[in-house]
């Protein structure tokens, strides 16, 4: 279930990133994507 939620959040953040032109919002979205991606890599290496 966690994997599904993480993947859906990534899809949402990427879509929002492609639609926004506000630099602050883009920065926040990129940070959210990076955090989820890093968490995913950490979970895979620790499993």
PDB file of N, CA and C in Angstrom:
ATOM      1  N   UNK A   1       0.826  -1.201   0.000  1.00  0.00           N
ATOM      2  CA  UNK A   1       0.000   0.000   0.000  1.00  0.00           C
ATOM      3  C   UNK A   1       0.862   1.253   0.000  1.00  0.00           C
ATOM      4  N   UNK A   2       1.932   1.252   0.802  1.00  0.00           N
ATOM      5  CA  UNK A   2       2.809   2.421   0.851  1.00  0.00           C
ATOM      6  C   UNK A   2       3.418   2.717  -0.510  1.00  0.00           C
ATOM      7  N   UNK A   3       3.799   1.660  -1.220  1.00  0.00           N
ATOM      8  CA  UNK A   3       4.393   1.834  -2.546  1.00  0.00           C
ATOM      9  C   UNK A   3       3.387   2.493  -3.492  1.00  0.00           C
ATOM     10  N   UNK A   4       2.144   2.054  -3.446  1.00  0.00           N
ATOM     11  CA  UNK A   4       1.109   2.625  -4.302  1.00  0.00           C
ATOM     12  C   UNK A   4       0.935   4.119  -4.018  1.00  0.00           C
ATOM     13  N   UNK A   5       0.837   4.468  -2.761  1.00  0.00           N
ATOM     14  CA  UNK A   5       0.651   5.870  -2.365  1.00  0.00           C
ATOM     15  C   UNK A   5       1.849   6.704  -2.815  1.00  0.00           C
ATOM     16  N   UNK A   6       3.051   6.178  -2.614  1.00  0.00           N
ATOM     17  CA  UNK A   6       4.269   6.890  -3.016  1.00  0.00           C
ATOM     18  C   UNK A   6       4.282   7.121  -4.535  1.00  0.00           C
ATOM     19  N   UNK A   7       3.934   6.090  -5.298  1.00  0.00           N
ATOM     20  CA  UNK A   7       3.914   6.221  -6.766  1.00  0.00           C
ATOM     21  C   UNK A   7       2.858   7.228  -7.218  1.00  0.00           C
ATOM     22  N   UNK A   8       1.703   7.200  -6.591  1.00  0.00           N
ATOM     23  CA  UNK A   8       0.644   8.158  -6.948  1.00  0.00           C
ATOM     24  C   UNK A   8       1.058   9.583  -6.596  1.00  0.00           C
ATOM     25  N   UNK A   9       1.708   9.752  -5.458  1.00  0.00           N
ATOM     26  CA  UNK A   9       2.201  11.082  -5.083  1.00  0.00           C
ATOM     27  C   UNK A   9       3.240  11.571  -6.087  1.00  0.00           C
ATOM     28  N   UNK A  10       4.142  10.689  -6.504  1.00  0.00           N
ATOM     29  CA  UNK A  10       5.143  11.073  -7.505  1.00  0.00           C
ATOM     30  C   UNK A  10       4.482  11.504  -8.808  1.00  0.00           C
ATOM     31  N   UNK A  11       3.475  10.764  -9.249  1.00  0.00           N
ATOM     32  CA  UNK A  11       2.745  11.132 -10.471  1.00  0.00           C
ATOM     33  C   UNK A  11       2.126  12.524 -10.326  1.00  0.00           C
ATOM     34  N   UNK A  12       1.492  12.756  -9.185  1.00  0.00           N
ATOM     35  CA  UNK A  12       0.845  14.047  -8.933  1.00  0.00           C
ATOM     36  C   UNK A  12       1.871  15.173  -8.918  1.00  0.00           C
ATOM     37  N   UNK A  13       2.967  14.995  -8.180  1.00  0.00           N
ATOM     38  CA  UNK A  13       3.983  16.037  -8.086  1.00  0.00           C
ATOM     39  C   UNK A  13       4.596  16.335  -9.451  1.00  0.00           C
ATOM     40  N   UNK A  14       4.847  15.297 -10.235  1.00  0.00           N
ATOM     41  CA  UNK A  14       5.418  15.506 -11.576  1.00  0.00           C
ATOM     42  C   UNK A  14       4.443  16.244 -12.487  1.00  0.00           C
ATOM     43  N   UNK A  15       3.156  15.900 -12.390  1.00  0.00           N
ATOM     44  CA  UNK A  15       2.153  16.587 -13.209  1.00  0.00           C
ATOM     45  C   UNK A  15       2.071  18.062 -12.813  1.00  0.00           C
ATOM     46  N   UNK A  16       2.009  18.318 -11.506  1.00  0.00           N
ATOM     47  CA  UNK A  16       1.951  19.699 -11.032  1.00  0.00           C
ATOM     48  C   UNK A  16       3.195  20.476 -11.441  1.00  0.00           C
ATOM     49  N   UNK A  17       4.347  19.822 -11.397  1.00  0.00           N
ATOM     50  CA  UNK A  17       5.596  20.462 -11.794  1.00  0.00           C
ATOM     51  C   UNK A  17       5.551  20.859 -13.267  1.00  0.00           C
ATOM     52  N   UNK A  18       4.980  20.027 -14.091  1.00  0.00           N
ATOM     53  CA  UNK A  18       4.908  20.342 -15.519  1.00  0.00           C
ATOM     54  C   UNK A  18       3.909  21.451 -15.829  1.00  0.00           C
ATOM     55  N   UNK A  19       2.976  21.686 -14.914  1.00  0.00           N
ATOM     56  CA  UNK A  19       1.923  22.674 -15.151  1.00  0.00           C
ATOM     57  C   UNK A  19       2.192  24.042 -14.543  1.00  0.00           C
ATOM     58  N   UNK A  20       3.092  24.127 -13.589  1.00  0.00           N
ATOM     59  CA  UNK A  20       3.281  25.396 -12.885  1.00  0.00           C
ATOM     60  C   UNK A  20       4.479  26.176 -13.431  1.00  0.00           C
ATOM     61  N   UNK A  21       4.385  27.490 -13.335  1.00  0.00           N
ATOM     62  CA  UNK A  21       5.479  28.366 -13.746  1.00  0.00           C
ATOM     63  C   UNK A  21       6.013  29.168 -12.565  1.00  0.00           C
ATOM     64  N   UNK A  22       5.393  28.990 -11.415  1.00  0.00           N
ATOM     65  CA  UNK A  22       5.817  29.680 -10.202  1.00  0.00           C
ATOM     66  C   UNK A  22       7.087  29.017  -9.675  1.00  0.00           C
ATOM     67  N   UNK A  23       8.173  29.774  -9.591  1.00  0.00           N
ATOM     68  CA  UNK A  23       9.468  29.204  -9.219  1.00  0.00           C
ATOM     69  C   UNK A  23       9.483  28.618  -7.807  1.00  0.00           C
ATOM     70  N   UNK A  24       8.829  29.253  -6.882  1.00  0.00           N
ATOM     71  CA  UNK A  24       8.798  28.743  -5.507  1.00  0.00           C
ATOM     72  C   UNK A  24       8.046  27.409  -5.451  1.00  0.00           C
ATOM     73  N   UNK A  25       6.923  27.338  -6.142  1.00  0.00           N
ATOM     74  CA  UNK A  25       6.154  26.090  -6.159  1.00  0.00           C
ATOM     75  C   UNK A  25       6.947  24.979  -6.855  1.00  0.00           C
ATOM     76  N   UNK A  26       7.650  25.321  -7.924  1.00  0.00           N
ATOM     77  CA  UNK A  26       8.483  24.340  -8.627  1.00  0.00           C
ATOM     78  C   UNK A  26       9.587  23.815  -7.704  1.00  0.00           C
ATOM     79  N   UNK A  27      10.186  24.715  -6.934  1.00  0.00           N
ATOM     80  CA  UNK A  27      11.249  24.317  -6.015  1.00  0.00           C
ATOM     81  C   UNK A  27      10.711  23.328  -4.973  1.00  0.00           C
ATOM     82  N   UNK A  28       9.531  23.639  -4.421  1.00  0.00           N
ATOM     83  CA  UNK A  28       8.928  22.767  -3.413  1.00  0.00           C
ATOM     84  C   UNK A  28       8.584  21.404  -4.019  1.00  0.00           C
ATOM     85  N   UNK A  29       8.011  21.405  -5.207  1.00  0.00           N
ATOM     86  CA  UNK A  29       7.659  20.141  -5.855  1.00  0.00           C
ATOM     87  C   UNK A  29       8.901  19.303  -6.165  1.00  0.00           C
ATOM     88  N   UNK A  30       9.957  19.943  -6.622  1.00  0.00           N
ATOM     89  CA  UNK A  30      11.192  19.213  -6.907  1.00  0.00           C
ATOM     90  C   UNK A  30      11.776  18.611  -5.630  1.00  0.00           C
ATOM     91  N   UNK A  31      11.664  19.341  -4.527  1.00  0.00           N
ATOM     92  CA  UNK A  31      12.143  18.816  -3.249  1.00  0.00           C
ATOM     93  C   UNK A  31      11.303  17.628  -2.796  1.00  0.00           C
ATOM     94  N   UNK A  32       9.993  17.710  -2.968  1.00  0.00           N
ATOM     95  CA  UNK A  32       9.115  16.593  -2.608  1.00  0.00           C
ATOM     96  C   UNK A  32       9.446  15.352  -3.443  1.00  0.00           C
ATOM     97  N   UNK A  33       9.657  15.542  -4.734  1.00  0.00           N
ATOM     98  CA  UNK A  33      10.016  14.431  -5.618  1.00  0.00           C
ATOM     99  C   UNK A  33      11.346  13.826  -5.190  1.00  0.00           C
ATOM    100  N   UNK A  34      12.312  14.675  -4.899  1.00  0.00           N
ATOM    101  CA  UNK A  34      13.627  14.190  -4.472  1.00  0.00           C
ATOM    102  C   UNK A  34      13.515  13.405  -3.168  1.00  0.00           C
ATOM    103  N   UNK A  35      12.732  13.903  -2.231  1.00  0.00           N
ATOM    104  CA  UNK A  35      12.566  13.211  -0.945  1.00  0.00           C
ATOM    105  C   UNK A  35      11.921  11.839  -1.121  1.00  0.00           C
ATOM    106  N   UNK A  36      10.879  11.767  -1.937  1.00  0.00           N
ATOM    107  CA  UNK A  36      10.228  10.477  -2.161  1.00  0.00           C
ATOM    108  C   UNK A  36      11.141   9.523  -2.907  1.00  0.00           C
ATOM    109  N   UNK A  37      11.887  10.030  -3.866  1.00  0.00           N
ATOM    110  CA  UNK A  37      12.804   9.188  -4.624  1.00  0.00           C
ATOM    111  C   UNK A  37      13.911   8.657  -3.726  1.00  0.00           C
ATOM    112  N   UNK A  38      14.442   9.506  -2.875  1.00  0.00           N
ATOM    113  CA  UNK A  38      15.494   9.087  -1.951  1.00  0.00           C
ATOM    114  C   UNK A  38      14.961   8.044  -0.968  1.00  0.00           C
ATOM    115  N   UNK A  39      13.779   8.255  -0.472  1.00  0.00           N
ATOM    116  CA  UNK A  39      13.161   7.306   0.458  1.00  0.00           C
ATOM    117  C   UNK A  39      12.956   5.958  -0.227  1.00  0.00           C
ATOM    118  N   UNK A  40      12.567   6.000  -1.495  1.00  0.00           N
ATOM    119  CA  UNK A  40      12.366   4.767  -2.255  1.00  0.00           C
ATOM    120  C   UNK A  40      13.689   4.017  -2.422  1.00  0.00           C
ATOM    121  N   UNK A  41      14.763   4.733  -2.749  1.00  0.00           N
ATOM    122  CA  UNK A  41      16.086   4.106  -2.900  1.00  0.00           C
ATOM    123  C   UNK A  41      16.559   3.528  -1.569  1.00  0.00           C
ATOM    124  N   UNK A  42      16.343   4.247  -0.490  1.00  0.00           N
ATOM    125  CA  UNK A  42      16.740   3.780   0.841  1.00  0.00           C
ATOM    126  C   UNK A  42      15.981   2.515   1.223  1.00  0.00           C
ATOM    127  N   UNK A  43      14.692   2.494   0.941  1.00  0.00           N
ATOM    128  CA  UNK A  43      13.875   1.317   1.274  1.00  0.00           C
ATOM    129  C   UNK A  43      14.316   0.098   0.465  1.00  0.00           C
ATOM    130  N   UNK A  44      14.678   0.293  -0.795  1.00  0.00           N
ATOM    131  CA  UNK A  44      15.101  -0.825  -1.625  1.00  0.00           C
ATOM    132  C   UNK A  44      16.447  -1.378  -1.182  1.00  0.00           C
ATOM    133  N   UNK A  45      17.358  -0.496  -0.816  1.00  0.00           N
ATOM    134  CA  UNK A  45      18.688  -0.965  -0.423  1.00  0.00           C
ATOM    135  C   UNK A  45      18.663  -1.609   0.962  1.00  0.00           C
ATOM    136  N   UNK A  46      17.721  -1.208   1.800  1.00  0.00           N
ATOM    137  CA  UNK A  46      17.634  -1.763   3.144  1.00  0.00           C
ATOM    138  C   UNK A  46      16.786  -3.015   3.252  1.00  0.00           C
ATOM    139  N   UNK A  47      16.074  -3.334   2.180  1.00  0.00           N
ATOM    140  CA  UNK A  47      15.153  -4.493   2.220  1.00  0.00           C
ATOM    141  C   UNK A  47      15.867  -5.791   1.971  1.00  0.00           C
TER     142      UNK A  47
END
